[in-house]
Amino acid sequence: MPYIHNDFSDPNLTETGRLQIGTLAVSAGLPAAGATVRVTQHGEPGNIIEEMISDTSGRTPTINLPAPPIDYSMQLTDVRPYSEYDVSVVMDGFERAYVEGVQILPDTTSYQDVSLLPGDVGSDQAEVITIKDHTLWGDFPPKIPEMDTKPLPPATGLVVLPEPVVPEYVIVHAGKPTDASAPNHWVSFRDYIKNVASSEIYANWPEQTILANVLAILSFTLNRIYTEWYPSKGYDFTVTNSTAFDQAFSFGRNIFEEISRVVDDVFTTFVTRPNIRQPLLTQYCDGKRVSCPTWMTQWGSKNLGDQGYAAIDILKNFYGHDVFLMQAKKVAGVPSSYPGTPLQMGSTGENVRVIQEQLNAISNNFPAIPKVRVDGIFGEDTRKSVETFQSVFRLASDGIVGFSTWYKLSQIFVSVTRMAELR
């Protein structure tokens, strides 16, 4: 079936945002190539705006969609600053999947990934994901204040003390801590941070504002992990999605490119203070509808970003001038840590051999990525393979293996080799 575009216009949506959909066949851990993907007006399944076929990497083309004026996301208004669309995915051998309420901001790119479950495409059963309102627009309970540092429990084996560790996964409880009926979701650490940031701030804000908020979200999460806040109380999860207790998280929601790239660049970084071992519990609020004089406010951070403040100065403005940034020394679930120096044309040695082996293993599942000779020499073929990998996994396509590409390679390599063991 060819790519189909239907004209759609809404006089209230005067600007444009972008959307790309990715599809994954969960049973095989492979991209769902050849899936039929439809984008429809939210709540109007018959109003098809785009119909596309996913490529060999499970991706659709990036499409333009109408969005509200950008002014609505630059200040608090009584008009929703993003438009909403629904996505359906159909593929033989899998249940039909729906995502309702995909959010499109003007002048941004949104990524919506959809996982397909084995089953009958014609079955009444279907995976339906409903994206919650953005916290700066919807009605959410304010954060219950806590001390920003915690007493440390004895080690239970869930984390490695005495230093902070970036885990491979977090377990997100979809409700208040005491709601035993709410499900738990296992989510990769970086995907969790991207989800929270895409739920809590607008992706068309200044880059340094986005970075400051991502660092606060990282620090809050790593404090929960490091102090074993919920497991030490007898719960079987890492964090909740209740804004009264933790941070907003909407399972399966779309992620914004501008936020995704910031997270990939800094996901091992956290905020702390002198003479404490733990990441700071960096609580925050919107600063307009809810007041929090001793925390960061999201709208306040946006105003400082508009004035040209750097991210660290935004954080110091709210959390105190003694705060500083640290790096977690360990990332769980990866074969080896980033060597500290980017690998590029002319690089040689064991680290180059490692990425060549990883590229070849990943290519078994994502055939668009060219295989390379494993010789420890970063030549033109390796550069092209890295560049394609970056494009497939939505990284800056420069053909250089820096921090974010190294850890994305590690993450995908571990994922595909695990799936290969299960098949």
Protein backbone atom coordinates (compact mmCIF):
# COMPACT_ATOMS: atom_id res chain seq x y z
CA MET A 1 0.00 0.00 0.00
CA PRO A 2 1.49 3.39 -0.98
CA TYR A 3 1.96 6.38 1.30
CA ILE A 4 -1.37 8.26 1.53
CA HIS A 5 -1.77 11.89 2.58
CA ASN A 6 -5.13 13.56 3.07
CA ASP A 7 -5.41 17.31 3.46
CA PHE A 8 -6.46 18.37 6.93
CA SER A 9 -6.81 21.90 8.20
CA ASP A 10 -8.11 23.48 11.38
CA PRO A 11 -8.25 27.30 11.45
CA ASN A 12 -7.14 27.24 15.11
CA LEU A 13 -3.99 25.24 14.31
CA THR A 14 -1.86 27.78 12.50
CA GLU A 15 1.61 26.26 12.98
CA THR A 16 3.28 22.92 12.33
CA GLY A 17 4.81 20.13 14.37
CA ARG A 18 6.35 16.85 13.21
CA LEU A 19 5.61 13.20 14.00
CA GLN A 20 7.43 9.95 13.32
CA ILE A 21 6.05 6.56 14.35
CA GLY A 22 8.20 3.55 15.19
CA THR A 23 6.86 0.00 15.35
CA LEU A 24 8.25 -3.06 17.10
CA ALA A 25 7.18 -6.71 16.93
CA VAL A 26 7.44 -7.57 20.62
CA SER A 27 7.50 -11.34 20.21
CA ALA A 28 10.66 -11.26 18.10
CA GLY A 29 12.31 -8.06 19.27
CA LEU A 30 12.41 -6.96 15.64
CA PRO A 31 11.25 -3.80 13.89
CA ALA A 32 7.76 -4.30 12.52
CA ALA A 33 8.53 -3.72 8.85
CA GLY A 34 5.53 -3.40 6.55
CA ALA A 35 3.01 -2.39 9.22
CA THR A 36 0.15 -0.14 8.16
CA VAL A 37 0.15 3.02 10.27
CA ARG A 38 -2.74 5.48 10.32
CA VAL A 39 -2.81 8.93 11.90
CA THR A 40 -6.30 10.26 12.56
CA GLN A 41 -7.86 13.32 14.12
CA HIS A 42 -8.16 12.71 17.88
CA GLY A 43 -11.50 11.07 18.68
CA GLU A 44 -12.45 10.77 15.00
CA PRO A 45 -11.21 7.37 13.75
CA GLY A 46 -12.78 7.91 10.33
CA ASN A 47 -10.88 11.14 9.74
CA ILE A 48 -7.62 9.70 8.35
CA ILE A 49 -4.92 12.34 7.96
CA GLU A 50 -2.00 10.10 6.99
CA GLU A 51 -1.62 6.41 6.12
CA MET A 52 1.90 4.99 5.82
CA ILE A 53 3.85 1.73 5.71
CA SER A 54 6.74 1.22 8.13
CA ASP A 55 10.18 0.62 6.62
CA THR A 56 12.74 -2.11 7.38
CA SER A 57 13.66 -0.31 10.61
CA GLY A 58 10.00 -0.13 11.67
CA ARG A 59 9.88 3.64 11.08
CA THR A 60 7.45 5.77 9.12
CA PRO A 61 8.41 8.94 7.29
CA THR A 62 8.36 12.06 9.46
CA ILE A 63 5.16 13.94 8.70
CA ASN A 64 4.01 17.50 9.34
CA LEU A 65 0.87 18.02 11.38
CA PRO A 66 -1.05 21.17 12.31
CA ALA A 67 -0.32 22.57 15.77
CA PRO A 68 -1.45 25.61 17.80
CA PRO A 69 0.41 28.93 17.78
CA ILE A 70 3.75 28.72 19.59
CA ASP A 71 2.78 31.58 21.91
CA TYR A 72 0.46 29.17 23.75
CA SER A 73 3.41 27.09 24.98
CA MET A 74 5.56 30.11 25.86
CA GLN A 75 3.26 31.33 28.63
CA LEU A 76 0.41 29.98 30.75
CA THR A 77 -2.87 30.39 28.87
CA ASP A 78 -6.35 28.88 28.99
CA VAL A 79 -5.78 27.35 25.52
CA ARG A 80 -4.19 23.93 25.14
CA PRO A 81 -0.75 24.53 23.57
CA TYR A 82 -0.54 21.24 21.68
CA SER A 83 -2.75 19.41 19.19
CA GLU A 84 -3.74 15.76 19.63
CA TYR A 85 -3.90 12.87 17.17
CA ASP A 86 -4.60 9.15 17.34
CA VAL A 87 -2.42 6.43 15.83
CA SER A 88 -3.41 2.89 14.83
CA VAL A 89 -1.04 0.15 13.66
CA VAL A 90 -2.07 -3.02 11.83
CA MET A 91 0.18 -5.93 10.83
CA ASP A 92 -0.57 -9.56 9.99
CA GLY A 93 0.10 -11.89 12.92
CA PHE A 94 -0.29 -9.14 15.52
CA GLU A 95 -3.11 -7.50 17.41
CA ARG A 96 -4.23 -4.10 16.24
CA ALA A 97 -2.66 -1.33 18.37
CA TYR A 98 -4.00 2.12 19.19
CA VAL A 99 -2.47 5.19 20.77
CA GLU A 100 -4.89 7.96 21.68
CA GLY A 101 -3.94 11.57 22.27
CA VAL A 102 -0.45 11.85 20.72
CA GLN A 103 0.70 15.37 21.51
CA ILE A 104 2.13 17.66 18.82
CA LEU A 105 3.81 20.91 19.81
CA PRO A 106 4.65 23.56 17.20
CA ASP A 107 8.23 23.60 15.89
CA THR A 108 9.11 20.24 17.50
CA THR A 109 9.45 16.61 16.44
CA SER A 110 7.48 13.96 18.29
CA TYR A 111 8.35 10.24 18.32
CA GLN A 112 5.57 7.75 18.97
CA ASP A 113 6.72 4.16 19.35
CA VAL A 114 4.17 1.34 19.22
CA SER A 115 4.78 -2.25 20.36
CA LEU A 116 2.77 -4.96 18.62
CA LEU A 117 1.63 -8.05 20.51
CA PRO A 118 1.19 -11.43 18.77
CA GLY A 119 -2.40 -12.22 17.86
CA ASP A 120 -5.13 -11.91 15.28
CA VAL A 121 -5.33 -8.52 13.61
CA GLY A 122 -9.08 -9.01 13.24
CA SER A 123 -9.62 -9.80 16.90
CA ASP A 124 -11.72 -7.55 19.11
CA GLN A 125 -8.77 -7.42 21.47
CA ALA A 126 -6.40 -4.53 20.90
CA GLU A 127 -3.66 -2.79 22.79
CA VAL A 128 -4.95 0.73 23.58
CA ILE A 129 -2.68 3.36 25.09
CA THR A 130 -4.22 6.64 26.19
CA ILE A 131 -1.75 9.47 26.71
CA LYS A 132 -2.46 11.62 29.74
CA ASP A 133 -2.68 15.40 29.57
CA HIS A 134 0.57 17.30 29.90
CA THR A 135 1.10 18.42 33.50
CA LEU A 136 1.40 22.09 32.51
CA TRP A 137 -2.05 21.87 30.95
CA GLY A 138 -4.00 19.17 32.81
CA ASP A 139 -5.17 18.96 36.41
CA PHE A 140 -2.63 17.11 38.58
CA PRO A 141 -2.14 17.05 42.36
CA PRO A 142 0.84 19.09 43.62
CA LYS A 143 3.92 17.39 45.06
CA ILE A 144 3.79 16.60 48.77
CA PRO A 145 6.98 18.23 50.16
CA GLU A 146 9.82 16.03 51.41
CA MET A 147 13.32 16.57 52.75
CA ASP A 148 15.74 16.87 49.83
CA THR A 149 18.16 14.37 51.36
CA LYS A 150 17.23 11.04 52.93
CA PRO A 151 18.61 8.71 55.58
CA LEU A 152 20.30 5.82 53.83
CA PRO A 153 18.96 2.29 54.38
CA PRO A 154 21.17 -0.78 54.59
CA ALA A 155 21.97 -2.23 51.17
CA THR A 156 19.38 -4.74 49.96
CA GLY A 157 21.01 -5.75 46.70
CA LEU A 158 18.67 -3.65 44.57
CA VAL A 159 21.33 -0.98 44.10
CA VAL A 160 25.04 -0.79 44.66
CA LEU A 161 25.97 1.39 47.62
CA PRO A 162 27.81 3.55 48.60
CA GLU A 163 27.73 5.43 45.27
CA PRO A 164 24.87 6.27 42.90
CA VAL A 165 24.31 3.87 40.00
CA VAL A 166 22.30 4.39 36.84
CA PRO A 167 20.08 1.30 36.65
CA GLU A 168 19.12 -0.54 33.50
CA TYR A 169 15.42 -0.38 34.38
CA VAL A 170 13.09 1.37 36.77
CA ILE A 171 9.79 -0.12 37.93
CA VAL A 172 7.05 2.52 37.71
CA HIS A 173 3.91 2.05 39.78
CA ALA A 174 0.95 3.53 37.89
CA GLY A 175 -0.82 5.02 40.90
CA LYS A 176 -0.36 6.14 44.46
CA PRO A 177 2.03 4.01 46.52
CA THR A 178 -0.80 2.43 48.49
CA ASP A 179 -2.91 1.55 45.43
CA ALA A 180 -2.26 -2.19 45.23
CA SER A 181 -4.52 -2.53 42.16
CA ALA A 182 -2.34 -0.26 40.00
CA PRO A 183 0.02 -2.03 37.58
CA ASN A 184 3.81 -1.82 37.59
CA HIS A 185 5.67 -1.01 34.37
CA TRP A 186 9.28 -2.02 33.73
CA VAL A 187 10.85 0.84 31.78
CA SER A 188 14.44 1.44 30.70
CA PHE A 189 15.99 4.22 32.75
CA ARG A 190 16.54 6.60 29.85
CA ASP A 191 13.07 5.99 28.42
CA TYR A 192 11.60 6.75 31.84
CA ILE A 193 13.47 10.08 32.06
CA LYS A 194 12.42 11.00 28.51
CA ASN A 195 8.81 10.14 29.30
CA VAL A 196 8.76 12.25 32.47
CA ALA A 197 10.43 15.23 30.81
CA SER A 198 8.03 15.04 27.84
CA SER A 199 5.15 15.00 30.36
CA GLU A 200 6.45 17.82 32.57
CA ILE A 201 7.92 20.52 30.27
CA TYR A 202 7.43 21.77 26.73
CA ALA A 203 10.01 20.67 24.18
CA ASN A 204 10.02 24.02 22.36
CA TRP A 205 11.40 25.83 25.42
CA PRO A 206 15.04 27.04 25.49
CA GLU A 207 17.61 24.23 25.37
CA GLN A 208 19.22 25.23 28.67
CA THR A 209 15.78 25.21 30.34
CA ILE A 210 15.19 21.70 29.00
CA LEU A 211 18.62 20.63 30.28
CA ALA A 212 18.02 22.10 33.75
CA ASN A 213 14.69 20.30 34.06
CA VAL A 214 16.13 17.01 32.76
CA LEU A 215 18.91 17.24 35.37
CA ALA A 216 16.31 17.82 38.09
CA ILE A 217 14.27 14.82 36.89
CA LEU A 218 17.43 12.67 36.78
CA SER A 219 18.46 13.71 40.29
CA PHE A 220 15.01 13.11 41.73
CA THR A 221 14.89 9.64 40.17
CA LEU A 222 18.43 8.69 41.20
CA ASN A 223 17.65 9.78 44.77
CA ARG A 224 14.68 7.40 44.84
CA ILE A 225 16.92 4.62 43.49
CA TYR A 226 19.95 5.33 45.67
CA THR A 227 17.99 5.60 48.92
CA GLU A 228 15.76 2.60 48.01
CA TRP A 229 12.88 4.85 49.05
CA TYR A 230 10.00 2.54 48.14
CA PRO A 231 11.65 -0.91 48.47
CA SER A 232 12.78 0.03 51.99
CA LYS A 233 9.09 0.56 52.83
CA GLY A 234 8.12 -2.88 51.51
CA TYR A 235 6.95 -1.86 48.02
CA ASP A 236 7.97 -3.72 44.86
CA PHE A 237 8.61 -0.69 42.66
CA THR A 238 11.14 2.11 42.20
CA VAL A 239 8.92 5.13 41.76
CA THR A 240 5.26 6.05 41.15
CA ASN A 241 3.63 8.12 38.43
CA SER A 242 1.66 10.18 40.99
CA THR A 243 2.70 13.84 40.91
CA ALA A 244 1.74 14.05 44.61
CA PHE A 245 4.58 11.64 45.44
CA ASP A 246 6.93 11.56 42.46
CA GLN A 247 6.86 12.70 38.81
CA ALA A 248 4.40 12.42 35.95
CA PHE A 249 4.77 9.34 33.74
CA SER A 250 2.29 8.31 31.05
CA PHE A 251 2.92 4.75 29.87
CA GLY A 252 3.52 4.57 26.12
CA ARG A 253 3.35 8.30 25.50
CA ASN A 254 5.12 10.13 22.67
CA ILE A 255 8.60 11.51 23.33
CA PHE A 256 9.95 14.75 21.89
CA GLU A 257 13.20 14.70 19.90
CA GLU A 258 14.52 17.83 21.59
CA ILE A 259 14.12 16.21 25.02
CA SER A 260 15.33 12.78 23.89
CA ARG A 261 18.69 14.10 22.72
CA VAL A 262 19.32 16.06 25.91
CA VAL A 263 18.60 12.95 28.00
CA ASP A 264 20.93 10.80 25.88
CA ASP A 265 23.73 13.34 26.42
CA VAL A 266 23.45 13.63 30.23
CA PHE A 267 21.64 10.58 31.60
CA THR A 268 24.45 9.76 34.07
CA THR A 269 24.52 13.30 35.53
CA PHE A 270 22.79 14.43 38.73
CA VAL A 271 22.57 17.42 41.08
CA THR A 272 24.06 17.23 44.56
CA ARG A 273 25.55 19.34 47.38
CA PRO A 274 28.90 19.23 49.20
CA ASN A 275 29.32 16.58 51.88
CA ILE A 276 26.39 14.37 50.86
CA ARG A 277 26.70 11.07 49.01
CA GLN A 278 23.28 11.03 47.42
CA PRO A 279 21.69 12.82 44.46
CA LEU A 280 19.51 15.69 45.64
CA LEU A 281 15.75 15.09 45.72
CA THR A 282 15.16 17.97 43.32
CA GLN A 283 11.46 18.68 43.77
CA TYR A 284 9.73 21.20 41.50
CA CYS A 285 6.35 22.70 40.60
CA ASP A 286 4.92 24.77 37.76
CA GLY A 287 5.25 28.09 39.61
CA LYS A 288 2.00 29.50 38.22
CA ARG A 289 -0.89 27.40 39.44
CA VAL A 290 1.19 25.94 42.30
CA SER A 291 3.74 27.85 44.39
CA CYS A 292 6.94 26.26 45.77
CA PRO A 293 9.36 28.98 46.97
CA THR A 294 12.30 26.66 47.76
CA TRP A 295 12.04 24.44 44.65
CA MET A 296 12.58 24.96 40.96
CA THR A 297 9.53 26.22 39.10
CA GLN A 298 9.08 25.08 35.54
CA TRP A 299 7.80 28.41 34.24
CA GLY A 300 10.52 30.20 36.21
CA SER A 301 13.18 28.01 34.60
CA LYS A 302 11.72 28.86 31.22
CA ASN A 303 11.98 32.59 31.95
CA LEU A 304 15.61 32.22 33.04
CA GLY A 305 16.37 30.24 29.88
CA ASP A 306 14.84 33.07 27.84
CA GLN A 307 17.30 35.41 29.57
CA GLY A 308 20.26 33.28 28.52
CA TYR A 309 20.96 31.51 31.83
CA ALA A 310 22.96 28.28 31.59
CA ALA A 311 21.36 25.13 33.02
CA ILE A 312 23.63 24.99 36.09
CA ASP A 313 22.82 28.63 36.88
CA ILE A 314 19.11 27.92 36.58
CA LEU A 315 19.52 25.09 39.08
CA LYS A 316 21.61 27.23 41.45
CA ASN A 317 18.97 29.97 41.30
CA PHE A 318 16.37 27.58 42.73
CA TYR A 319 18.23 24.97 44.80
CA GLY A 320 21.06 27.12 46.16
CA HIS A 321 24.45 28.31 44.97
CA ASP A 322 26.24 25.35 46.55
CA VAL A 323 24.67 22.74 44.25
CA PHE A 324 26.88 21.16 41.59
CA LEU A 325 26.76 18.34 39.04
CA MET A 326 28.26 14.87 39.42
CA GLN A 327 28.46 11.78 37.23
CA ALA A 328 27.32 8.34 38.31
CA LYS A 329 30.32 6.05 38.00
CA LYS A 330 28.43 2.99 36.86
CA VAL A 331 25.71 2.26 34.30
CA ALA A 332 24.13 -1.11 34.97
CA GLY A 333 23.45 -3.60 32.18
CA VAL A 334 26.05 -2.40 29.66
CA PRO A 335 29.09 -4.42 28.54
CA SER A 336 31.62 -1.65 29.28
CA SER A 337 31.74 2.02 30.23
CA TYR A 338 32.31 4.85 27.77
CA PRO A 339 36.07 5.12 27.16
CA GLY A 340 36.00 8.91 27.62
CA THR A 341 37.22 9.80 24.12
CA PRO A 342 34.98 9.78 21.01
CA LEU A 343 35.68 7.07 18.45
CA GLN A 344 35.84 8.34 14.88
CA MET A 345 37.63 8.04 11.55
CA GLY A 346 41.22 6.97 12.27
CA SER A 347 40.53 5.54 15.74
CA THR A 348 41.93 2.07 16.40
CA GLY A 349 41.99 -0.49 19.19
CA GLU A 350 39.79 -2.70 21.32
CA ASN A 351 37.02 -0.13 21.80
CA VAL A 352 36.60 0.13 18.04
CA ARG A 353 36.43 -3.66 17.84
CA VAL A 354 33.70 -3.60 20.54
CA ILE A 355 31.47 -1.23 18.60
CA GLN A 356 32.05 -3.15 15.36
CA GLU A 357 30.88 -6.36 17.02
CA GLN A 358 27.88 -4.56 18.45
CA LEU A 359 26.95 -3.02 15.09
CA ASN A 360 27.02 -6.45 13.44
CA ALA A 361 24.84 -8.01 16.14
CA ILE A 362 22.33 -5.15 15.92
CA SER A 363 22.31 -5.43 12.11
CA ASN A 364 20.81 -8.93 12.45
CA ASN A 365 17.62 -7.27 13.74
CA PHE A 366 17.92 -3.93 11.91
CA PRO A 367 19.17 -4.83 8.42
CA ALA A 368 19.39 -1.20 7.27
CA ILE A 369 22.58 -0.98 9.35
CA PRO A 370 25.51 -2.25 7.22
CA LYS A 371 27.72 -4.97 8.66
CA VAL A 372 31.42 -4.17 9.02
CA ARG A 373 34.71 -6.04 9.29
CA VAL A 374 35.70 -6.50 12.94
CA ASP A 375 39.31 -5.34 12.70
CA GLY A 376 39.58 -2.61 15.33
CA ILE A 377 40.07 0.07 12.65
CA PHE A 378 37.50 2.90 12.39
CA GLY A 379 37.36 3.33 8.64
CA GLU A 380 34.79 4.57 6.15
CA ASP A 381 32.62 1.42 6.38
CA THR A 382 32.45 1.70 10.17
CA ARG A 383 31.61 5.40 9.90
CA LYS A 384 28.74 4.67 7.50
CA SER A 385 27.43 1.90 9.76
CA VAL A 386 27.57 4.18 12.82
CA GLU A 387 25.83 6.94 10.90
CA THR A 388 23.03 4.60 9.85
CA PHE A 389 22.70 3.30 13.41
CA GLN A 390 22.38 6.88 14.64
CA SER A 391 19.70 7.64 12.06
CA VAL A 392 17.71 4.48 12.90
CA PHE A 393 17.84 5.21 16.62
CA ARG A 394 17.22 8.95 16.36
CA LEU A 395 20.62 10.26 17.34
CA ALA A 396 22.58 13.05 15.69
CA SER A 397 23.97 11.38 12.55
CA ASP A 398 27.61 12.47 12.60
CA GLY A 399 29.27 9.05 12.29
CA ILE A 400 31.14 9.59 15.58
CA VAL A 401 30.72 7.33 18.61
CA GLY A 402 30.54 9.81 21.47
CA PHE A 403 28.91 9.38 24.88
CA SER A 404 25.30 9.11 23.74
CA THR A 405 26.03 6.80 20.78
CA TRP A 406 28.29 4.52 22.86
CA TYR A 407 25.59 3.91 25.44
CA LYS A 408 22.81 3.59 22.85
CA LEU A 409 24.88 0.97 21.04
CA SER A 410 25.36 -0.84 24.35
CA GLN A 411 21.65 -0.67 25.18
CA ILE A 412 20.48 -1.98 21.79
CA PHE A 413 23.22 -4.63 21.66
CA VAL A 414 22.16 -6.02 25.04
CA SER A 415 18.51 -5.95 23.97
CA VAL A 416 18.99 -7.80 20.67
CA THR A 417 21.35 -10.40 22.11
CA ARG A 418 18.86 -11.16 24.88
CA MET A 419 16.08 -11.57 22.32
CA ALA A 420 18.33 -13.84 20.24
CA GLU A 421 18.83 -16.07 23.29
CA LEU A 422 15.06 -16.32 23.77
CA ARG A 423 14.31 -17.21 20.16
